[in-house]
PDB file of N, CA and C in Angstrom:
ATOM      1  N   UNK A   1       0.820  -1.180   0.000  1.00  0.00           N
ATOM      2  CA  UNK A   1       0.000   0.000   0.000  1.00  0.00           C
ATOM      3  C   UNK A   1       0.874   1.257   0.000  1.00  0.00           C
ATOM      4  N   UNK A   2       1.998   1.228   0.753  1.00  0.00           N
ATOM      5  CA  UNK A   2       2.876   2.398   0.798  1.00  0.00           C
ATOM      6  C   UNK A   2       3.458   2.702  -0.586  1.00  0.00           C
ATOM      7  N   UNK A   3       3.853   1.668  -1.310  1.00  0.00           N
ATOM      8  CA  UNK A   3       4.400   1.886  -2.658  1.00  0.00           C
ATOM      9  C   UNK A   3       3.371   2.514  -3.588  1.00  0.00           C
ATOM     10  N   UNK A   4       2.139   2.036  -3.523  1.00  0.00           N
ATOM     11  CA  UNK A   4       1.081   2.568  -4.371  1.00  0.00           C
ATOM     12  C   UNK A   4       0.777   4.012  -4.003  1.00  0.00           C
ATOM     13  N   UNK A   5       0.712   4.309  -2.705  1.00  0.00           N
ATOM     14  CA  UNK A   5       0.459   5.676  -2.253  1.00  0.00           C
ATOM     15  C   UNK A   5       1.606   6.598  -2.668  1.00  0.00           C
ATOM     16  N   UNK A   6       2.842   6.120  -2.543  1.00  0.00           N
ATOM     17  CA  UNK A   6       3.992   6.919  -2.984  1.00  0.00           C
ATOM     18  C   UNK A   6       3.908   7.238  -4.473  1.00  0.00           C
ATOM     19  N   UNK A   7       3.522   6.246  -5.270  1.00  0.00           N
ATOM     20  CA  UNK A   7       3.433   6.431  -6.718  1.00  0.00           C
ATOM     21  C   UNK A   7       2.293   7.363  -7.102  1.00  0.00           C
ATOM     22  N   UNK A   8       1.129   7.181  -6.508  1.00  0.00           N
ATOM     23  CA  UNK A   8      -0.068   7.891  -6.955  1.00  0.00           C
ATOM     24  C   UNK A   8      -0.369   9.191  -6.213  1.00  0.00           C
ATOM     25  N   UNK A   9       0.297   9.460  -5.100  1.00  0.00           N
ATOM     26  CA  UNK A   9       0.007  10.692  -4.352  1.00  0.00           C
ATOM     27  C   UNK A   9       1.289  11.490  -4.090  1.00  0.00           C
ATOM     28  N   UNK A  10       2.256  10.889  -3.445  1.00  0.00           N
ATOM     29  CA  UNK A  10       3.464  11.615  -3.043  1.00  0.00           C
ATOM     30  C   UNK A  10       4.257  12.105  -4.253  1.00  0.00           C
ATOM     31  N   UNK A  11       4.516  11.235  -5.201  1.00  0.00           N
ATOM     32  CA  UNK A  11       5.316  11.646  -6.371  1.00  0.00           C
ATOM     33  C   UNK A  11       4.617  12.718  -7.201  1.00  0.00           C
ATOM     34  N   UNK A  12       3.307  12.611  -7.456  1.00  0.00           N
ATOM     35  CA  UNK A  12       2.653  13.717  -8.167  1.00  0.00           C
ATOM     36  C   UNK A  12       2.754  15.048  -7.410  1.00  0.00           C
ATOM     37  N   UNK A  13       2.650  15.003  -6.086  1.00  0.00           N
ATOM     38  CA  UNK A  13       2.816  16.223  -5.296  1.00  0.00           C
ATOM     39  C   UNK A  13       4.213  16.802  -5.496  1.00  0.00           C
ATOM     40  N   UNK A  14       5.224  15.949  -5.454  1.00  0.00           N
ATOM     41  CA  UNK A  14       6.598  16.413  -5.631  1.00  0.00           C
ATOM     42  C   UNK A  14       6.821  16.980  -7.033  1.00  0.00           C
ATOM     43  N   UNK A  15       6.192  16.384  -8.025  1.00  0.00           N
ATOM     44  CA  UNK A  15       6.319  16.887  -9.402  1.00  0.00           C
ATOM     45  C   UNK A  15       5.676  18.262  -9.525  1.00  0.00           C
ATOM     46  N   UNK A  16       4.479  18.426  -8.962  1.00  0.00           N
ATOM     47  CA  UNK A  16       3.824  19.739  -8.991  1.00  0.00           C
ATOM     48  C   UNK A  16       4.724  20.783  -8.326  1.00  0.00           C
ATOM     49  N   UNK A  17       5.266  20.448  -7.167  1.00  0.00           N
ATOM     50  CA  UNK A  17       6.148  21.391  -6.465  1.00  0.00           C
ATOM     51  C   UNK A  17       7.387  21.727  -7.291  1.00  0.00           C
ATOM     52  N   UNK A  18       7.963  20.724  -7.934  1.00  0.00           N
ATOM     53  CA  UNK A  18       9.176  20.933  -8.728  1.00  0.00           C
ATOM     54  C   UNK A  18       8.927  21.856  -9.920  1.00  0.00           C
ATOM     55  N   UNK A  19       7.778  21.692 -10.567  1.00  0.00           N
ATOM     56  CA  UNK A  19       7.471  22.467 -11.765  1.00  0.00           C
ATOM     57  C   UNK A  19       6.710  23.761 -11.487  1.00  0.00           C
ATOM     58  N   UNK A  20       6.349  24.019 -10.237  1.00  0.00           N
ATOM     59  CA  UNK A  20       5.561  25.195  -9.897  1.00  0.00           C
ATOM     60  C   UNK A  20       6.176  26.505 -10.384  1.00  0.00           C
ATOM     61  N   UNK A  21       7.485  26.714 -10.243  1.00  0.00           N
ATOM     62  CA  UNK A  21       8.049  27.973 -10.766  1.00  0.00           C
ATOM     63  C   UNK A  21       7.827  28.137 -12.269  1.00  0.00           C
ATOM     64  N   UNK A  22       7.885  27.038 -13.013  1.00  0.00           N
ATOM     65  CA  UNK A  22       7.660  27.101 -14.460  1.00  0.00           C
ATOM     66  C   UNK A  22       6.195  27.385 -14.780  1.00  0.00           C
ATOM     67  N   UNK A  23       5.288  26.767 -14.017  1.00  0.00           N
ATOM     68  CA  UNK A  23       3.860  27.047 -14.197  1.00  0.00           C
ATOM     69  C   UNK A  23       3.567  28.520 -13.941  1.00  0.00           C
ATOM     70  N   UNK A  24       4.127  29.051 -12.854  1.00  0.00           N
ATOM     71  CA  UNK A  24       3.895  30.450 -12.507  1.00  0.00           C
ATOM     72  C   UNK A  24       4.443  31.380 -13.579  1.00  0.00           C
ATOM     73  N   UNK A  25       5.632  31.095 -14.079  1.00  0.00           N
ATOM     74  CA  UNK A  25       6.218  31.921 -15.145  1.00  0.00           C
ATOM     75  C   UNK A  25       5.356  31.867 -16.402  1.00  0.00           C
ATOM     76  N   UNK A  26       4.922  30.679 -16.775  1.00  0.00           N
ATOM     77  CA  UNK A  26       4.079  30.537 -17.972  1.00  0.00           C
ATOM     78  C   UNK A  26       2.772  31.300 -17.811  1.00  0.00           C
ATOM     79  N   UNK A  27       2.180  31.215 -16.632  1.00  0.00           N
ATOM     80  CA  UNK A  27       0.909  31.908 -16.393  1.00  0.00           C
ATOM     81  C   UNK A  27       1.088  33.418 -16.457  1.00  0.00           C
ATOM     82  N   UNK A  28       2.162  33.927 -15.874  1.00  0.00           N
ATOM     83  CA  UNK A  28       2.395  35.374 -15.839  1.00  0.00           C
ATOM     84  C   UNK A  28       2.739  35.933 -17.208  1.00  0.00           C
ATOM     85  N   UNK A  29       3.501  35.191 -17.988  1.00  0.00           N
ATOM     86  CA  UNK A  29       3.978  35.714 -19.273  1.00  0.00           C
ATOM     87  C   UNK A  29       3.036  35.410 -20.438  1.00  0.00           C
ATOM     88  N   UNK A  30       1.931  34.764 -20.172  1.00  0.00           N
ATOM     89  CA  UNK A  30       1.022  34.383 -21.264  1.00  0.00           C
ATOM     90  C   UNK A  30       0.322  35.579 -21.897  1.00  0.00           C
ATOM     91  N   UNK A  31       0.138  36.632 -21.105  1.00  0.00           N
ATOM     92  CA  UNK A  31      -0.536  37.804 -21.632  1.00  0.00           C
ATOM     93  C   UNK A  31      -2.050  37.688 -21.680  1.00  0.00           C
ATOM     94  N   UNK A  32      -2.589  36.617 -21.128  1.00  0.00           N
ATOM     95  CA  UNK A  32      -4.040  36.447 -21.096  1.00  0.00           C
ATOM     96  C   UNK A  32      -4.485  36.275 -19.651  1.00  0.00           C
ATOM     97  N   UNK A  33      -5.753  36.540 -19.411  1.00  0.00           N
ATOM     98  CA  UNK A  33      -6.274  36.364 -18.066  1.00  0.00           C
ATOM     99  C   UNK A  33      -7.091  35.085 -17.997  1.00  0.00           C
ATOM    100  N   UNK A  34      -7.337  34.637 -16.778  1.00  0.00           N
ATOM    101  CA  UNK A  34      -8.097  33.410 -16.601  1.00  0.00           C
ATOM    102  C   UNK A  34      -7.216  32.180 -16.686  1.00  0.00           C
ATOM    103  N   UNK A  35      -7.859  31.029 -16.599  1.00  0.00           N
ATOM    104  CA  UNK A  35      -7.128  29.761 -16.643  1.00  0.00           C
ATOM    105  C   UNK A  35      -7.372  29.060 -17.968  1.00  0.00           C
ATOM    106  N   UNK A  36      -6.335  28.412 -18.471  1.00  0.00           N
ATOM    107  CA  UNK A  36      -6.434  27.698 -19.736  1.00  0.00           C
ATOM    108  C   UNK A  36      -5.292  26.704 -19.842  1.00  0.00           C
ATOM    109  N   UNK A  37      -5.543  25.602 -20.519  1.00  0.00           N
ATOM    110  CA  UNK A  37      -4.451  24.637 -20.731  1.00  0.00           C
ATOM    111  C   UNK A  37      -3.441  25.196 -21.734  1.00  0.00           C
ATOM    112  N   UNK A  38      -3.786  26.271 -22.437  1.00  0.00           N
ATOM    113  CA  UNK A  38      -2.838  26.942 -23.326  1.00  0.00           C
ATOM    114  C   UNK A  38      -1.940  27.908 -22.573  1.00  0.00           C
ATOM    115  N   UNK A  39      -2.216  28.108 -21.305  1.00  0.00           N
ATOM    116  CA  UNK A  39      -1.491  29.071 -20.485  1.00  0.00           C
ATOM    117  C   UNK A  39      -0.553  28.348 -19.519  1.00  0.00           C
ATOM    118  N   UNK A  40      -1.106  27.675 -18.552  1.00  0.00           N
ATOM    119  CA  UNK A  40      -0.360  26.878 -17.574  1.00  0.00           C
ATOM    120  C   UNK A  40      -1.351  25.922 -16.938  1.00  0.00           C
ATOM    121  N   UNK A  41      -1.031  24.637 -16.933  1.00  0.00           N
ATOM    122  CA  UNK A  41      -2.000  23.666 -16.421  1.00  0.00           C
ATOM    123  C   UNK A  41      -1.317  22.443 -15.851  1.00  0.00           C
ATOM    124  N   UNK A  42      -1.921  21.943 -14.780  1.00  0.00           N
ATOM    125  CA  UNK A  42      -1.577  20.648 -14.202  1.00  0.00           C
ATOM    126  C   UNK A  42      -2.761  19.749 -14.534  1.00  0.00           C
ATOM    127  N   UNK A  43      -2.538  18.765 -15.381  1.00  0.00           N
ATOM    128  CA  UNK A  43      -3.597  17.847 -15.784  1.00  0.00           C
ATOM    129  C   UNK A  43      -3.244  16.469 -15.230  1.00  0.00           C
ATOM    130  N   UNK A  44      -3.993  16.017 -14.251  1.00  0.00           N
ATOM    131  CA  UNK A  44      -3.748  14.723 -13.618  1.00  0.00           C
ATOM    132  C   UNK A  44      -4.663  13.672 -14.236  1.00  0.00           C
ATOM    133  N   UNK A  45      -4.075  12.578 -14.668  1.00  0.00           N
ATOM    134  CA  UNK A  45      -4.855  11.462 -15.195  1.00  0.00           C
ATOM    135  C   UNK A  45      -5.197  10.570 -14.012  1.00  0.00           C
ATOM    136  N   UNK A  46      -6.454  10.511 -13.690  1.00  0.00           N
ATOM    137  CA  UNK A  46      -6.905   9.795 -12.509  1.00  0.00           C
ATOM    138  C   UNK A  46      -7.755   8.597 -12.911  1.00  0.00           C
ATOM    139  N   UNK A  47      -8.661   8.238 -12.047  1.00  0.00           N
ATOM    140  CA  UNK A  47      -9.515   7.076 -12.281  1.00  0.00           C
ATOM    141  C   UNK A  47     -10.793   7.225 -11.478  1.00  0.00           C
ATOM    142  N   UNK A  48     -11.857   6.705 -12.000  1.00  0.00           N
ATOM    143  CA  UNK A  48     -13.112   6.682 -11.260  1.00  0.00           C
ATOM    144  C   UNK A  48     -12.971   5.798 -10.016  1.00  0.00           C
ATOM    145  N   UNK A  49     -11.932   4.983  -9.998  1.00  0.00           N
ATOM    146  CA  UNK A  49     -11.660   4.137  -8.833  1.00  0.00           C
ATOM    147  C   UNK A  49     -11.400   4.972  -7.586  1.00  0.00           C
ATOM    148  N   UNK A  50     -11.035   6.244  -7.770  1.00  0.00           N
ATOM    149  CA  UNK A  50     -10.797   7.130  -6.638  1.00  0.00           C
ATOM    150  C   UNK A  50     -12.012   7.930  -6.226  1.00  0.00           C
ATOM    151  N   UNK A  51     -13.147   7.638  -6.811  1.00  0.00           N
ATOM    152  CA  UNK A  51     -14.369   8.375  -6.493  1.00  0.00           C
ATOM    153  C   UNK A  51     -14.798   8.124  -5.053  1.00  0.00           C
ATOM    154  N   UNK A  52     -15.261   9.171  -4.410  1.00  0.00           N
ATOM    155  CA  UNK A  52     -15.774   9.038  -3.048  1.00  0.00           C
ATOM    156  C   UNK A  52     -17.265   8.705  -3.056  1.00  0.00           C
ATOM    157  N   UNK A  53     -17.897   8.823  -4.208  1.00  0.00           N
ATOM    158  CA  UNK A  53     -19.340   8.574  -4.291  1.00  0.00           C
ATOM    159  C   UNK A  53     -19.680   7.235  -4.925  1.00  0.00           C
ATOM    160  N   UNK A  54     -18.720   6.605  -5.569  1.00  0.00           N
ATOM    161  CA  UNK A  54     -18.965   5.303  -6.176  1.00  0.00           C
ATOM    162  C   UNK A  54     -18.001   4.299  -5.582  1.00  0.00           C
ATOM    163  N   UNK A  55     -18.511   3.250  -5.030  1.00  0.00           N
ATOM    164  CA  UNK A  55     -17.607   2.232  -4.496  1.00  0.00           C
ATOM    165  C   UNK A  55     -17.705   0.981  -5.363  1.00  0.00           C
ATOM    166  N   UNK A  56     -16.563   0.360  -5.608  1.00  0.00           N
ATOM    167  CA  UNK A  56     -16.568  -0.859  -6.412  1.00  0.00           C
ATOM    168  C   UNK A  56     -17.148  -2.034  -5.629  1.00  0.00           C
ATOM    169  N   UNK A  57     -17.689  -3.028  -6.314  1.00  0.00           N
ATOM    170  CA  UNK A  57     -18.173  -4.214  -5.607  1.00  0.00           C
ATOM    171  C   UNK A  57     -17.006  -4.952  -4.944  1.00  0.00           C
ATOM    172  N   UNK A  58     -17.282  -5.613  -3.855  1.00  0.00           N
ATOM    173  CA  UNK A  58     -16.264  -6.391  -3.130  1.00  0.00           C
ATOM    174  C   UNK A  58     -15.056  -5.531  -2.750  1.00  0.00           C
ATOM    175  N   UNK A  59     -15.307  -4.296  -2.356  1.00  0.00           N
ATOM    176  CA  UNK A  59     -14.216  -3.361  -2.134  1.00  0.00           C
ATOM    177  C   UNK A  59     -13.267  -3.771  -1.020  1.00  0.00           C
ATOM    178  N   UNK A  60     -13.725  -4.444   0.002  1.00  0.00           N
ATOM    179  CA  UNK A  60     -12.841  -4.812   1.112  1.00  0.00           C
ATOM    180  C   UNK A  60     -11.933  -5.979   0.718  1.00  0.00           C
ATOM    181  N   UNK A  61     -12.442  -6.903  -0.067  1.00  0.00           N
ATOM    182  CA  UNK A  61     -11.670  -8.082  -0.427  1.00  0.00           C
ATOM    183  C   UNK A  61     -10.856  -7.893  -1.699  1.00  0.00           C
ATOM    184  N   UNK A  62     -11.001  -6.753  -2.326  1.00  0.00           N
ATOM    185  CA  UNK A  62     -10.351  -6.527  -3.608  1.00  0.00           C
ATOM    186  C   UNK A  62      -8.839  -6.419  -3.465  1.00  0.00           C
ATOM    187  N   UNK A  63      -8.086  -7.057  -4.373  1.00  0.00           N
ATOM    188  CA  UNK A  63      -6.626  -6.911  -4.343  1.00  0.00           C
ATOM    189  C   UNK A  63      -6.186  -5.524  -4.816  1.00  0.00           C
ATOM    190  N   UNK A  64      -7.107  -4.740  -5.347  1.00  0.00           N
ATOM    191  CA  UNK A  64      -6.754  -3.400  -5.818  1.00  0.00           C
ATOM    192  C   UNK A  64      -7.158  -2.314  -4.819  1.00  0.00           C
ATOM    193  N   UNK A  65      -7.440  -2.702  -3.578  1.00  0.00           N
ATOM    194  CA  UNK A  65      -7.800  -1.739  -2.541  1.00  0.00           C
ATOM    195  C   UNK A  65      -6.761  -0.619  -2.418  1.00  0.00           C
ATOM    196  N   UNK A  66      -5.455  -0.914  -2.398  1.00  0.00           N
ATOM    197  CA  UNK A  66      -4.476   0.181  -2.314  1.00  0.00           C
ATOM    198  C   UNK A  66      -4.584   1.151  -3.496  1.00  0.00           C
ATOM    199  N   UNK A  67      -4.876   0.626  -4.673  1.00  0.00           N
ATOM    200  CA  UNK A  67      -5.025   1.482  -5.849  1.00  0.00           C
ATOM    201  C   UNK A  67      -6.209   2.422  -5.672  1.00  0.00           C
ATOM    202  N   UNK A  68      -7.355   1.889  -5.262  1.00  0.00           N
ATOM    203  CA  UNK A  68      -8.544   2.719  -5.056  1.00  0.00           C
ATOM    204  C   UNK A  68      -8.274   3.811  -4.020  1.00  0.00           C
ATOM    205  N   UNK A  69      -7.660   3.432  -2.916  1.00  0.00           N
ATOM    206  CA  UNK A  69      -7.393   4.395  -1.848  1.00  0.00           C
ATOM    207  C   UNK A  69      -6.393   5.463  -2.300  1.00  0.00           C
ATOM    208  N   UNK A  70      -5.371   5.060  -3.035  1.00  0.00           N
ATOM    209  CA  UNK A  70      -4.382   6.036  -3.490  1.00  0.00           C
ATOM    210  C   UNK A  70      -4.974   6.975  -4.530  1.00  0.00           C
ATOM    211  N   UNK A  71      -5.871   6.484  -5.360  1.00  0.00           N
ATOM    212  CA  UNK A  71      -6.505   7.361  -6.355  1.00  0.00           C
ATOM    213  C   UNK A  71      -7.438   8.360  -5.680  1.00  0.00           C
ATOM    214  N   UNK A  72      -8.067   7.982  -4.588  1.00  0.00           N
ATOM    215  CA  UNK A  72      -8.871   8.935  -3.823  1.00  0.00           C
ATOM    216  C   UNK A  72      -7.960  10.034  -3.267  1.00  0.00           C
ATOM    217  N   UNK A  73      -6.801   9.644  -2.770  1.00  0.00           N
ATOM    218  CA  UNK A  73      -5.820  10.622  -2.292  1.00  0.00           C
ATOM    219  C   UNK A  73      -5.318  11.513  -3.409  1.00  0.00           C
ATOM    220  N   UNK A  74      -5.097  10.936  -4.571  1.00  0.00           N
ATOM    221  CA  UNK A  74      -4.646  11.682  -5.741  1.00  0.00           C
ATOM    222  C   UNK A  74      -5.701  12.698  -6.170  1.00  0.00           C
ATOM    223  N   UNK A  75      -6.972  12.276  -6.136  1.00  0.00           N
ATOM    224  CA  UNK A  75      -8.053  13.198  -6.485  1.00  0.00           C
ATOM    225  C   UNK A  75      -8.124  14.349  -5.490  1.00  0.00           C
ATOM    226  N   UNK A  76      -7.922  14.070  -4.205  1.00  0.00           N
ATOM    227  CA  UNK A  76      -7.914  15.131  -3.205  1.00  0.00           C
ATOM    228  C   UNK A  76      -6.718  16.054  -3.413  1.00  0.00           C
ATOM    229  N   UNK A  77      -5.568  15.496  -3.749  1.00  0.00           N
ATOM    230  CA  UNK A  77      -4.406  16.319  -4.067  1.00  0.00           C
ATOM    231  C   UNK A  77      -4.751  17.291  -5.192  1.00  0.00           C
ATOM    232  N   UNK A  78      -5.451  16.819  -6.200  1.00  0.00           N
ATOM    233  CA  UNK A  78      -5.837  17.666  -7.330  1.00  0.00           C
ATOM    234  C   UNK A  78      -6.769  18.783  -6.879  1.00  0.00           C
ATOM    235  N   UNK A  79      -7.747  18.448  -6.040  1.00  0.00           N
ATOM    236  CA  UNK A  79      -8.687  19.458  -5.531  1.00  0.00           C
ATOM    237  C   UNK A  79      -7.934  20.533  -4.743  1.00  0.00           C
ATOM    238  N   UNK A  80      -7.038  20.110  -3.859  1.00  0.00           N
ATOM    239  CA  UNK A  80      -6.297  21.062  -3.038  1.00  0.00           C
ATOM    240  C   UNK A  80      -5.320  21.891  -3.871  1.00  0.00           C
ATOM    241  N   UNK A  81      -4.665  21.264  -4.837  1.00  0.00           N
ATOM    242  CA  UNK A  81      -3.745  21.990  -5.719  1.00  0.00           C
ATOM    243  C   UNK A  81      -4.514  23.018  -6.552  1.00  0.00           C
ATOM    244  N   UNK A  82      -5.697  22.635  -7.052  1.00  0.00           N
ATOM    245  CA  UNK A  82      -6.508  23.566  -7.846  1.00  0.00           C
ATOM    246  C   UNK A  82      -6.855  24.804  -7.023  1.00  0.00           C
ATOM    247  N   UNK A  83      -7.191  24.600  -5.777  1.00  0.00           N
ATOM    248  CA  UNK A  83      -7.535  25.731  -4.906  1.00  0.00           C
ATOM    249  C   UNK A  83      -6.308  26.614  -4.672  1.00  0.00           C
ATOM    250  N   UNK A  84      -5.174  26.008  -4.431  1.00  0.00           N
ATOM    251  CA  UNK A  84      -3.955  26.769  -4.148  1.00  0.00           C
ATOM    252  C   UNK A  84      -3.435  27.498  -5.393  1.00  0.00           C
ATOM    253  N   UNK A  85      -3.537  26.857  -6.563  1.00  0.00           N
ATOM    254  CA  UNK A  85      -2.982  27.429  -7.791  1.00  0.00           C
ATOM    255  C   UNK A  85      -3.912  28.432  -8.463  1.00  0.00           C
ATOM    256  N   UNK A  86      -5.158  28.498  -7.991  1.00  0.00           N
ATOM    257  CA  UNK A  86      -6.147  29.400  -8.580  1.00  0.00           C
ATOM    258  C   UNK A  86      -5.674  30.851  -8.554  1.00  0.00           C
ATOM    259  N   UNK A  87      -5.044  31.257  -7.483  1.00  0.00           N
ATOM    260  CA  UNK A  87      -4.591  32.644  -7.337  1.00  0.00           C
ATOM    261  C   UNK A  87      -3.574  33.014  -8.426  1.00  0.00           C
ATOM    262  N   UNK A  88      -2.809  32.044  -8.910  1.00  0.00           N
ATOM    263  CA  UNK A  88      -1.822  32.283  -9.973  1.00  0.00           C
ATOM    264  C   UNK A  88      -2.397  31.991 -11.365  1.00  0.00           C
ATOM    265  N   UNK A  89      -3.693  31.716 -11.412  1.00  0.00           N
ATOM    266  CA  UNK A  89      -4.390  31.391 -12.663  1.00  0.00           C
ATOM    267  C   UNK A  89      -3.763  30.199 -13.376  1.00  0.00           C
ATOM    268  N   UNK A  90      -3.432  29.173 -12.593  1.00  0.00           N
ATOM    269  CA  UNK A  90      -2.909  27.921 -13.133  1.00  0.00           C
ATOM    270  C   UNK A  90      -4.026  26.890 -13.054  1.00  0.00           C
ATOM    271  N   UNK A  91      -4.430  26.387 -14.189  1.00  0.00           N
ATOM    272  CA  UNK A  91      -5.486  25.380 -14.253  1.00  0.00           C
ATOM    273  C   UNK A  91      -4.981  24.077 -13.652  1.00  0.00           C
ATOM    274  N   UNK A  92      -5.789  23.452 -12.832  1.00  0.00           N
ATOM    275  CA  UNK A  92      -5.438  22.171 -12.242  1.00  0.00           C
ATOM    276  C   UNK A  92      -6.677  21.304 -12.231  1.00  0.00           C
ATOM    277  N   UNK A  93      -6.605  20.151 -12.876  1.00  0.00           N
ATOM    278  CA  UNK A  93      -7.771  19.284 -12.968  1.00  0.00           C
ATOM    279  C   UNK A  93      -7.374  17.829 -13.091  1.00  0.00           C
ATOM    280  N   UNK A  94      -8.328  16.957 -12.804  1.00  0.00           N
ATOM    281  CA  UNK A  94      -8.131  15.514 -12.949  1.00  0.00           C
ATOM    282  C   UNK A  94      -9.065  15.017 -14.042  1.00  0.00           C
ATOM    283  N   UNK A  95      -8.570  14.119 -14.846  1.00  0.00           N
ATOM    284  CA  UNK A  95      -9.359  13.508 -15.912  1.00  0.00           C
ATOM    285  C   UNK A  95      -9.403  12.001 -15.716  1.00  0.00           C
ATOM    286  N   UNK A  96     -10.549  11.425 -15.969  1.00  0.00           N
ATOM    287  CA  UNK A  96     -10.702   9.971 -15.973  1.00  0.00           C
ATOM    288  C   UNK A  96     -10.812   9.547 -17.440  1.00  0.00           C
ATOM    289  N   UNK A  97      -9.829   8.807 -17.951  1.00  0.00           N
ATOM    290  CA  UNK A  97      -9.832   8.482 -19.379  1.00  0.00           C
ATOM    291  C   UNK A  97     -10.816   7.384 -19.768  1.00  0.00           C
ATOM    292  N   UNK A  98     -11.477   6.795 -18.789  1.00  0.00           N
ATOM    293  CA  UNK A  98     -12.356   5.669 -19.099  1.00  0.00           C
ATOM    294  C   UNK A  98     -11.594   4.362 -18.976  1.00  0.00           C
ATOM    295  N   UNK A  99     -12.251   3.294 -19.328  1.00  0.00           N
ATOM    296  CA  UNK A  99     -11.634   1.982 -19.226  1.00  0.00           C
ATOM    297  C   UNK A  99     -10.425   1.897 -20.151  1.00  0.00           C
ATOM    298  N   UNK A 100      -9.356   1.317 -19.643  1.00  0.00           N
ATOM    299  CA  UNK A 100      -8.137   1.131 -20.419  1.00  0.00           C
ATOM    300  C   UNK A 100      -7.779  -0.350 -20.415  1.00  0.00           C
ATOM    301  N   UNK A 101      -7.316  -0.845 -21.543  1.00  0.00           N
ATOM    302  CA  UNK A 101      -6.937  -2.254 -21.641  1.00  0.00           C
ATOM    303  C   UNK A 101      -5.553  -2.417 -21.010  1.00  0.00           C
ATOM    304  N   UNK A 102      -5.564  -2.725 -19.713  1.00  0.00           N
ATOM    305  CA  UNK A 102      -4.329  -2.963 -18.961  1.00  0.00           C
ATOM    306  C   UNK A 102      -4.540  -4.193 -18.095  1.00  0.00           C
ATOM    307  N   UNK A 103      -3.501  -4.632 -17.440  1.00  0.00           N
ATOM    308  CA  UNK A 103      -3.617  -5.761 -16.522  1.00  0.00           C
ATOM    309  C   UNK A 103      -4.607  -5.442 -15.406  1.00  0.00           C
ATOM    310  N   UNK A 104      -4.512  -4.211 -14.882  1.00  0.00           N
ATOM    311  CA  UNK A 104      -5.422  -3.794 -13.827  1.00  0.00           C
ATOM    312  C   UNK A 104      -6.843  -3.591 -14.360  1.00  0.00           C
ATOM    313  N   UNK A 105      -6.956  -3.061 -15.585  1.00  0.00           N
ATOM    314  CA  UNK A 105      -8.259  -2.801 -16.178  1.00  0.00           C
ATOM    315  C   UNK A 105      -9.058  -4.054 -16.492  1.00  0.00           C
ATOM    316  N   UNK A 106      -8.351  -5.140 -16.728  1.00  0.00           N
ATOM    317  CA  UNK A 106      -9.029  -6.409 -17.021  1.00  0.00           C
ATOM    318  C   UNK A 106      -9.720  -6.407 -18.359  1.00  0.00           C
ATOM    319  N   UNK A 107     -10.553  -7.415 -18.575  1.00  0.00           N
ATOM    320  CA  UNK A 107     -11.282  -7.534 -19.842  1.00  0.00           C
ATOM    321  C   UNK A 107     -12.476  -6.596 -19.852  1.00  0.00           C
ATOM    322  N   UNK A 108     -12.678  -5.968 -20.983  1.00  0.00           N
ATOM    323  CA  UNK A 108     -13.840  -5.075 -21.130  1.00  0.00           C
ATOM    324  C   UNK A 108     -15.096  -5.924 -21.162  1.00  0.00           C
ATOM    325  N   UNK A 109     -16.040  -5.577 -20.308  1.00  0.00           N
ATOM    326  CA  UNK A 109     -17.285  -6.351 -20.221  1.00  0.00           C
ATOM    327  C   UNK A 109     -18.331  -5.713 -21.085  1.00  0.00           C
TER     328      UNK A 109
END
């Protein structure tokens, strides 16, 4: 669980912090007001697995419990970063790409 949390929450936080000066410079020098992905943006690719309103079936027995929990943390990181970066007009959002054909994604039903 610690490895998954480090990958899906801690490292994205560190990346945002590392690139923050560049985001701020891009936002200031863009010459436009408001937020836009053409200006400065943090776009996090997340998952519906991190939703606080939808729980997967068999959630306690699932071998992907650490993934679900870390994605919820990642989504909260995005919410908090969006609030903090708003003052600098840096767009921050999470996107759910939908089902992906991966080992974790399994077979499309």
